[in-house]
């Protein structure tokens, strides 16, 4: 197999996996949105009016941004990462670390900031993380993070805004 054929085969496999992932979400309840009520609620049209297309896809449709694309991946100033949907403070810069995954990662959330639900999409069981105030999908949490918690909150940067600490 020549290199070009190998690359096209890989691209086709990625496209097939993406299509399968999308198909798994069709017609099934959207994570936290199906079982909980939230302080901040809006219609789909209202969410679309206040969020970018990318943020709407992640926060409201449980999408995922491409790894390595978020400017927040390289945000190293002191401050707070808040929900892009409702502005609730979610993560402190003090808990951010470089996981090498291509998404902003944190070893701990701010207390009472996030909710978690079981996500059985893509043929596996994961823990989905969402904003506890608006229900926006943020990402997933895994148990391969650094001390002291051993957790890795792998969060879509488009689901966050950054607020630098004031002197």
Protein backbone atom coordinates (compact mmCIF):
# COMPACT_ATOMS: atom_id res chain seq x y z
CA UNK A 1 0.00 0.00 0.00
CA UNK A 2 1.43 3.38 -0.94
CA UNK A 3 1.41 6.27 1.47
CA UNK A 4 -1.44 8.11 -0.29
CA UNK A 5 -3.67 5.01 -0.08
CA UNK A 6 -2.80 4.65 3.59
CA UNK A 7 -3.72 8.28 4.30
CA UNK A 8 -7.03 8.01 2.40
CA UNK A 9 -7.87 4.79 4.26
CA UNK A 10 -7.22 6.52 7.56
CA UNK A 11 -9.36 9.51 6.56
CA UNK A 12 -12.18 7.17 5.53
CA UNK A 13 -11.98 5.35 8.87
CA UNK A 14 -12.19 8.65 10.78
CA UNK A 15 -15.19 9.75 8.69
CA UNK A 16 -16.92 6.43 9.31
CA UNK A 17 -16.29 6.67 13.05
CA UNK A 18 -17.60 10.25 13.12
CA UNK A 19 -20.72 9.20 11.23
CA UNK A 20 -21.23 6.28 13.63
CA UNK A 21 -20.85 8.59 16.62
CA UNK A 22 -23.42 10.99 15.19
CA UNK A 23 -25.78 8.11 14.48
CA UNK A 24 -25.51 6.90 18.06
CA UNK A 25 -26.77 10.27 19.31
CA UNK A 26 -29.78 10.51 16.96
CA UNK A 27 -33.04 9.94 18.78
CA UNK A 28 -31.52 9.41 22.22
CA UNK A 29 -31.86 11.84 25.12
CA UNK A 30 -29.09 14.38 25.36
CA UNK A 31 -27.20 13.53 28.58
CA UNK A 32 -28.07 15.83 31.43
CA UNK A 33 -30.76 17.58 29.41
CA UNK A 34 -33.01 14.51 29.55
CA UNK A 35 -33.08 13.97 33.31
CA UNK A 36 -32.39 17.20 35.19
CA UNK A 37 -33.82 20.68 35.49
CA UNK A 38 -31.51 23.68 35.57
CA UNK A 39 -31.58 27.25 36.90
CA UNK A 40 -30.79 28.69 33.46
CA UNK A 41 -33.05 27.45 30.68
CA UNK A 42 -33.53 28.74 27.16
CA UNK A 43 -35.18 27.55 24.00
CA UNK A 44 -32.97 26.18 21.24
CA UNK A 45 -33.44 29.47 19.34
CA UNK A 46 -32.41 31.49 22.40
CA UNK A 47 -29.26 29.35 22.87
CA UNK A 48 -28.39 29.73 19.17
CA UNK A 49 -28.75 33.50 19.49
CA UNK A 50 -26.18 33.75 22.31
CA UNK A 51 -23.69 30.98 21.40
CA UNK A 52 -21.38 30.53 18.44
CA UNK A 53 -22.18 27.56 16.21
CA UNK A 54 -19.25 25.65 17.72
CA UNK A 55 -20.27 26.44 21.31
CA UNK A 56 -23.88 25.49 20.57
CA UNK A 57 -22.77 22.16 19.10
CA UNK A 58 -20.72 21.32 22.20
CA UNK A 59 -22.82 22.81 24.99
CA UNK A 60 -26.29 21.96 23.69
CA UNK A 61 -25.72 18.97 21.35
CA UNK A 62 -22.87 17.23 23.22
CA UNK A 63 -20.43 17.71 20.36
CA UNK A 64 -16.66 17.77 20.64
CA UNK A 65 -14.23 20.33 19.29
CA UNK A 66 -11.18 19.18 17.37
CA UNK A 67 -8.20 18.57 19.67
CA UNK A 68 -5.58 21.28 19.74
CA UNK A 69 -7.88 23.99 18.37
CA UNK A 70 -8.88 25.86 21.53
CA UNK A 71 -6.93 29.02 22.43
CA UNK A 72 -7.66 28.11 26.06
CA UNK A 73 -5.41 25.08 25.72
CA UNK A 74 -2.45 27.43 26.05
CA UNK A 75 -4.01 29.82 28.57
CA UNK A 76 -1.59 29.93 31.51
CA UNK A 77 -2.60 33.10 33.35
CA UNK A 78 -4.19 32.99 36.78
CA UNK A 79 -7.95 33.22 36.65
CA UNK A 80 -11.22 31.37 36.32
CA UNK A 81 -12.64 29.27 33.49
CA UNK A 82 -16.41 29.81 33.34
CA UNK A 83 -19.28 28.24 31.42
CA UNK A 84 -19.67 29.84 27.98
CA UNK A 85 -23.42 29.30 28.27
CA UNK A 86 -24.25 30.88 31.62
CA UNK A 87 -20.98 32.33 32.97
CA UNK A 88 -20.86 30.08 36.07
CA UNK A 89 -17.27 29.74 37.36
CA UNK A 90 -16.28 26.09 36.76
CA UNK A 91 -12.50 25.64 37.07
CA UNK A 92 -9.64 27.57 38.63
CA UNK A 93 -6.43 28.03 36.69
CA UNK A 94 -4.73 26.56 39.78
CA UNK A 95 -6.11 23.12 38.81
CA UNK A 96 -5.32 23.30 35.07
CA UNK A 97 -2.60 21.04 33.68
CA UNK A 98 -1.22 19.92 30.32
CA UNK A 99 -2.63 16.44 29.74
CA UNK A 100 -1.23 16.16 26.22
CA UNK A 101 -4.72 15.33 24.92
CA UNK A 102 -5.37 18.53 22.97
CA UNK A 103 -8.15 19.78 25.29
CA UNK A 104 -7.93 22.01 28.37
CA UNK A 105 -7.64 19.67 31.36
CA UNK A 106 -8.22 20.20 35.05
CA UNK A 107 -7.72 17.93 38.06
CA UNK A 108 -10.60 19.42 40.04
CA UNK A 109 -13.70 21.55 39.49
CA UNK A 110 -14.81 24.47 41.66
CA UNK A 111 -17.14 23.06 44.35
CA UNK A 112 -20.81 22.87 43.27
CA UNK A 113 -19.97 23.91 39.70
CA UNK A 114 -20.46 20.78 37.61
CA UNK A 115 -22.75 17.80 37.41
CA UNK A 116 -21.86 14.38 36.08
CA UNK A 117 -23.85 11.74 34.23
CA UNK A 118 -23.07 8.35 32.74
CA UNK A 119 -22.39 8.52 28.98
CA UNK A 120 -22.70 5.20 27.16
CA UNK A 121 -22.25 6.57 23.63
CA UNK A 122 -19.54 5.32 21.28
CA UNK A 123 -19.78 1.79 22.70
CA UNK A 124 -18.09 2.67 25.99
CA UNK A 125 -19.00 3.99 29.42
CA UNK A 126 -17.63 7.41 30.36
CA UNK A 127 -18.49 10.13 32.85
CA UNK A 128 -19.91 13.20 31.12
CA UNK A 129 -19.37 16.58 32.80
CA UNK A 130 -21.95 19.36 32.46
CA UNK A 131 -22.53 22.81 33.95
CA UNK A 132 -24.74 22.38 36.99
CA UNK A 133 -26.53 25.71 36.32
CA UNK A 134 -27.42 25.47 32.59
CA UNK A 135 -26.77 21.79 31.82
CA UNK A 136 -24.30 22.62 29.07
CA UNK A 137 -22.08 19.70 28.04
CA UNK A 138 -18.46 20.44 28.91
CA UNK A 139 -16.57 17.21 28.27
CA UNK A 140 -15.70 14.07 30.21
CA UNK A 141 -13.79 13.14 33.35
CA UNK A 142 -11.30 10.27 33.49
CA UNK A 143 -9.32 8.66 36.30
CA UNK A 144 -5.88 9.13 34.73
CA UNK A 145 -5.08 12.62 36.02
CA UNK A 146 -2.39 13.92 38.35
CA UNK A 147 -2.40 14.08 42.15
CA UNK A 148 -4.03 15.06 44.36
CA UNK A 149 -7.31 13.83 42.82
CA UNK A 150 -6.06 11.50 40.08
CA UNK A 151 -8.81 12.93 37.85
CA UNK A 152 -8.60 14.50 34.39
CA UNK A 153 -11.51 16.74 33.46
CA UNK A 154 -11.04 16.82 29.68
CA UNK A 155 -13.04 19.92 28.73
CA UNK A 156 -13.94 21.45 25.38
CA UNK A 157 -12.40 24.91 25.31
CA UNK A 158 -15.32 26.29 23.27
CA UNK A 159 -17.57 25.47 26.26
CA UNK A 160 -15.51 27.82 28.45
CA UNK A 161 -14.62 31.47 28.76
CA UNK A 162 -11.56 32.67 30.64
CA UNK A 163 -11.62 35.47 33.18
CA UNK A 164 -8.12 36.60 34.20
CA UNK A 165 -7.51 37.29 37.87
CA UNK A 166 -7.40 40.93 38.80
CA UNK A 167 -4.32 42.14 40.63
